[in-house]
N, C-alpha and C. Protein backbone atom coordinates (compact mmCIF):
# COMPACT_ATOMS: atom_id res chain seq x y z
N MET A 1 9.78 -25.31 8.58
CA MET A 1 9.02 -25.06 7.38
C MET A 1 9.90 -25.37 6.18
N SER A 2 9.43 -26.22 5.34
CA SER A 2 10.17 -26.63 4.17
C SER A 2 9.87 -25.68 3.01
N ARG A 3 10.92 -25.25 2.35
CA ARG A 3 10.73 -24.36 1.20
C ARG A 3 10.84 -25.16 -0.07
N THR A 4 9.81 -25.12 -0.86
CA THR A 4 9.81 -25.80 -2.14
C THR A 4 10.32 -24.85 -3.20
N ARG A 5 11.26 -25.31 -3.98
CA ARG A 5 11.79 -24.48 -5.05
C ARG A 5 11.32 -25.04 -6.37
N ILE A 6 10.94 -24.15 -7.25
CA ILE A 6 10.48 -24.53 -8.58
C ILE A 6 11.41 -23.88 -9.59
N THR A 7 11.88 -24.66 -10.51
CA THR A 7 12.71 -24.10 -11.57
C THR A 7 11.81 -23.44 -12.59
N LYS A 8 12.06 -22.17 -12.81
CA LYS A 8 11.26 -21.38 -13.73
C LYS A 8 12.22 -20.54 -14.56
N SER A 9 11.91 -20.35 -15.79
CA SER A 9 12.80 -19.61 -16.67
C SER A 9 12.25 -18.20 -16.89
N PHE A 10 13.14 -17.21 -16.69
CA PHE A 10 12.79 -15.82 -16.92
C PHE A 10 13.88 -15.18 -17.76
N SER A 11 13.52 -14.17 -18.49
CA SER A 11 14.51 -13.38 -19.22
C SER A 11 14.93 -12.22 -18.33
N VAL A 12 16.24 -12.05 -18.18
CA VAL A 12 16.78 -10.99 -17.34
C VAL A 12 17.69 -10.12 -18.19
N GLU A 13 17.54 -8.83 -18.06
CA GLU A 13 18.40 -7.93 -18.81
C GLU A 13 19.85 -8.15 -18.39
N LYS A 14 20.74 -8.02 -19.36
CA LYS A 14 22.15 -8.32 -19.14
C LYS A 14 22.75 -7.50 -18.00
N HIS A 15 22.46 -6.20 -17.97
CA HIS A 15 23.04 -5.36 -16.92
C HIS A 15 22.52 -5.73 -15.53
N LEU A 16 21.28 -6.23 -15.46
CA LEU A 16 20.74 -6.67 -14.17
C LEU A 16 21.42 -7.95 -13.71
N LEU A 17 21.63 -8.86 -14.63
CA LEU A 17 22.33 -10.10 -14.29
C LEU A 17 23.76 -9.80 -13.84
N GLN A 18 24.41 -8.87 -14.49
CA GLN A 18 25.77 -8.49 -14.07
C GLN A 18 25.75 -7.90 -12.66
N GLU A 19 24.74 -7.12 -12.36
CA GLU A 19 24.63 -6.52 -11.02
C GLU A 19 24.36 -7.59 -9.96
N VAL A 20 23.52 -8.57 -10.29
CA VAL A 20 23.26 -9.68 -9.37
C VAL A 20 24.56 -10.43 -9.09
N GLU A 21 25.31 -10.72 -10.15
CA GLU A 21 26.58 -11.43 -9.99
C GLU A 21 27.57 -10.61 -9.15
N ARG A 22 27.60 -9.31 -9.39
CA ARG A 22 28.53 -8.44 -8.67
C ARG A 22 28.20 -8.34 -7.19
N THR A 23 26.91 -8.38 -6.84
CA THR A 23 26.49 -8.14 -5.45
C THR A 23 26.09 -9.39 -4.69
N ARG A 24 26.26 -10.55 -5.27
CA ARG A 24 25.74 -11.76 -4.62
C ARG A 24 26.56 -12.23 -3.43
N GLY A 25 27.78 -11.81 -3.30
CA GLY A 25 28.60 -12.23 -2.17
C GLY A 25 28.83 -13.73 -2.20
N SER A 26 28.64 -14.40 -1.05
CA SER A 26 28.89 -15.84 -0.96
C SER A 26 27.66 -16.66 -1.34
N SER A 27 26.53 -16.02 -1.55
CA SER A 27 25.32 -16.77 -1.91
C SER A 27 25.29 -17.03 -3.41
N SER A 28 24.41 -17.91 -3.81
CA SER A 28 24.28 -18.21 -5.24
C SER A 28 23.50 -17.10 -5.93
N SER A 29 23.59 -17.06 -7.23
CA SER A 29 22.82 -16.08 -8.00
C SER A 29 21.32 -16.26 -7.76
N SER A 30 20.86 -17.50 -7.70
CA SER A 30 19.44 -17.78 -7.46
C SER A 30 19.01 -17.25 -6.10
N GLU A 31 19.84 -17.46 -5.07
CA GLU A 31 19.51 -16.95 -3.74
C GLU A 31 19.45 -15.43 -3.75
N ARG A 32 20.38 -14.80 -4.46
CA ARG A 32 20.40 -13.34 -4.53
C ARG A 32 19.17 -12.81 -5.25
N VAL A 33 18.80 -13.44 -6.37
CA VAL A 33 17.61 -13.03 -7.11
C VAL A 33 16.36 -13.21 -6.26
N ASN A 34 16.25 -14.33 -5.55
CA ASN A 34 15.10 -14.55 -4.67
C ASN A 34 15.02 -13.48 -3.59
N TYR A 35 16.17 -13.14 -3.00
CA TYR A 35 16.20 -12.10 -1.97
C TYR A 35 15.74 -10.76 -2.55
N LEU A 36 16.28 -10.42 -3.73
CA LEU A 36 15.90 -9.14 -4.35
C LEU A 36 14.43 -9.10 -4.72
N LEU A 37 13.90 -10.22 -5.21
CA LEU A 37 12.47 -10.27 -5.54
C LEU A 37 11.60 -10.10 -4.30
N LYS A 38 11.97 -10.80 -3.23
CA LYS A 38 11.20 -10.68 -1.98
C LYS A 38 11.25 -9.24 -1.46
N THR A 39 12.44 -8.64 -1.51
CA THR A 39 12.59 -7.26 -1.04
C THR A 39 11.77 -6.30 -1.90
N GLY A 40 11.84 -6.49 -3.22
CA GLY A 40 11.08 -5.64 -4.13
C GLY A 40 9.58 -5.79 -3.95
N LEU A 41 9.12 -7.02 -3.78
CA LEU A 41 7.68 -7.27 -3.58
C LEU A 41 7.21 -6.66 -2.26
N GLU A 42 8.05 -6.75 -1.22
CA GLU A 42 7.69 -6.16 0.07
C GLU A 42 7.62 -4.63 -0.04
N ALA A 43 8.58 -4.04 -0.76
CA ALA A 43 8.57 -2.59 -0.96
C ALA A 43 7.33 -2.17 -1.75
N GLU A 44 6.98 -2.95 -2.75
CA GLU A 44 5.78 -2.66 -3.55
C GLU A 44 4.52 -2.75 -2.70
N ARG A 45 4.47 -3.73 -1.81
CA ARG A 45 3.32 -3.88 -0.91
C ARG A 45 3.21 -2.67 0.01
N HIS A 46 4.34 -2.22 0.55
CA HIS A 46 4.34 -1.05 1.42
C HIS A 46 3.89 0.19 0.66
N GLN A 47 4.34 0.35 -0.57
CA GLN A 47 3.91 1.50 -1.39
C GLN A 47 2.41 1.46 -1.60
N SER A 48 1.88 0.27 -1.86
CA SER A 48 0.45 0.12 -2.09
C SER A 48 -0.34 0.47 -0.83
N LEU A 49 0.14 0.00 0.32
CA LEU A 49 -0.54 0.32 1.59
C LEU A 49 -0.46 1.82 1.88
N HIS A 50 0.68 2.42 1.59
CA HIS A 50 0.84 3.86 1.81
C HIS A 50 -0.12 4.65 0.91
N ALA A 51 -0.23 4.23 -0.34
CA ALA A 51 -1.13 4.91 -1.27
C ALA A 51 -2.59 4.74 -0.83
N GLU A 52 -2.93 3.55 -0.34
CA GLU A 52 -4.29 3.31 0.15
C GLU A 52 -4.59 4.19 1.36
N ALA A 53 -3.63 4.30 2.28
CA ALA A 53 -3.81 5.16 3.46
C ALA A 53 -3.94 6.62 3.05
N ALA A 54 -3.15 7.04 2.08
CA ALA A 54 -3.22 8.43 1.61
C ALA A 54 -4.59 8.72 1.01
N ARG A 55 -5.12 7.77 0.24
CA ARG A 55 -6.47 7.97 -0.32
C ARG A 55 -7.51 8.02 0.79
N PHE A 56 -7.36 7.18 1.80
CA PHE A 56 -8.33 7.12 2.90
C PHE A 56 -8.30 8.41 3.71
N PHE A 57 -7.09 8.92 3.98
CA PHE A 57 -6.96 10.09 4.85
C PHE A 57 -6.84 11.40 4.09
N LYS A 58 -7.11 11.38 2.77
CA LYS A 58 -6.99 12.61 1.99
C LYS A 58 -7.90 13.68 2.57
N SER A 59 -7.52 14.92 2.38
CA SER A 59 -8.34 15.99 2.91
C SER A 59 -9.64 16.10 2.10
N GLU A 60 -10.66 16.53 2.78
CA GLU A 60 -11.96 16.67 2.14
C GLU A 60 -11.96 17.80 1.12
N SER A 61 -12.76 17.65 0.12
CA SER A 61 -12.94 18.74 -0.85
C SER A 61 -13.90 19.75 -0.23
N ALA A 62 -13.97 20.91 -0.83
CA ALA A 62 -14.86 21.97 -0.33
C ALA A 62 -16.31 21.50 -0.32
N SER A 63 -16.73 20.78 -1.36
CA SER A 63 -18.12 20.33 -1.41
C SER A 63 -18.40 19.27 -0.34
N GLU A 64 -17.40 18.43 -0.05
CA GLU A 64 -17.58 17.43 1.01
C GLU A 64 -17.69 18.09 2.38
N ARG A 65 -16.85 19.11 2.62
CA ARG A 65 -16.94 19.85 3.89
C ARG A 65 -18.29 20.53 4.04
N LYS A 66 -18.76 21.14 2.95
CA LYS A 66 -20.06 21.83 2.97
C LYS A 66 -21.18 20.84 3.27
N ALA A 67 -21.15 19.68 2.65
CA ALA A 67 -22.18 18.65 2.87
C ALA A 67 -22.13 18.14 4.31
N ARG A 68 -20.90 17.92 4.84
CA ARG A 68 -20.75 17.45 6.21
C ARG A 68 -21.30 18.47 7.19
N ARG A 69 -20.99 19.75 6.99
CA ARG A 69 -21.49 20.81 7.88
C ARG A 69 -23.02 20.90 7.82
N ALA A 70 -23.60 20.79 6.63
CA ALA A 70 -25.05 20.84 6.48
C ALA A 70 -25.70 19.68 7.23
N PHE A 71 -25.11 18.51 7.12
CA PHE A 71 -25.65 17.33 7.83
C PHE A 71 -25.56 17.53 9.33
N GLN A 72 -24.41 18.04 9.81
CA GLN A 72 -24.26 18.28 11.24
C GLN A 72 -25.26 19.31 11.75
N SER A 73 -25.46 20.37 10.99
CA SER A 73 -26.41 21.41 11.38
C SER A 73 -27.84 20.86 11.44
N ALA A 74 -28.21 20.10 10.44
CA ALA A 74 -29.55 19.51 10.42
C ALA A 74 -29.72 18.53 11.58
N SER A 75 -28.67 17.77 11.88
CA SER A 75 -28.73 16.82 12.99
C SER A 75 -28.92 17.54 14.31
N ARG A 76 -28.17 18.64 14.52
CA ARG A 76 -28.31 19.42 15.76
C ARG A 76 -29.72 19.97 15.91
N LYS A 77 -30.28 20.51 14.83
CA LYS A 77 -31.65 21.05 14.87
C LYS A 77 -32.64 19.96 15.21
N SER A 78 -32.48 18.80 14.62
CA SER A 78 -33.39 17.69 14.85
C SER A 78 -33.31 17.21 16.30
N ILE A 79 -32.08 17.08 16.82
CA ILE A 79 -31.89 16.63 18.20
C ILE A 79 -32.46 17.66 19.17
N THR A 80 -32.20 18.94 18.91
CA THR A 80 -32.71 20.01 19.77
C THR A 80 -34.24 20.02 19.75
N ARG A 81 -34.82 19.86 18.56
CA ARG A 81 -36.28 19.85 18.43
C ARG A 81 -36.86 18.65 19.17
N ASP A 82 -36.26 17.47 19.00
CA ASP A 82 -36.75 16.26 19.67
C ASP A 82 -36.64 16.35 21.18
N ALA A 83 -35.58 17.01 21.67
CA ALA A 83 -35.37 17.13 23.10
C ALA A 83 -36.35 18.10 23.73
N SER A 84 -36.82 19.09 22.97
CA SER A 84 -37.72 20.09 23.53
C SER A 84 -39.19 19.67 23.45
N GLU A 85 -39.48 18.62 22.71
CA GLU A 85 -40.87 18.14 22.63
C GLU A 85 -41.24 17.40 23.91
N PRO A 86 -42.51 17.55 24.36
CA PRO A 86 -42.95 16.87 25.60
C PRO A 86 -43.12 15.39 25.44
């Protein structure tokens, strides 16, 4: 798989650029920035998925529980009534 690189200009805070330079090791600054961006974007994606799961699995409110129980009760009565009819 060929990776296409595009030269793009961004403004980077001075202390961030210093940190990139300090931590880049044997790779270039561009490679280090690309790695950090990919890592940050992946972490952001995981946070988003975690938040979505939390919203999906959130506990029911009292009114939602009451409505669910009422529906279940009505369903049981209806099924029982239908089963007892000839």
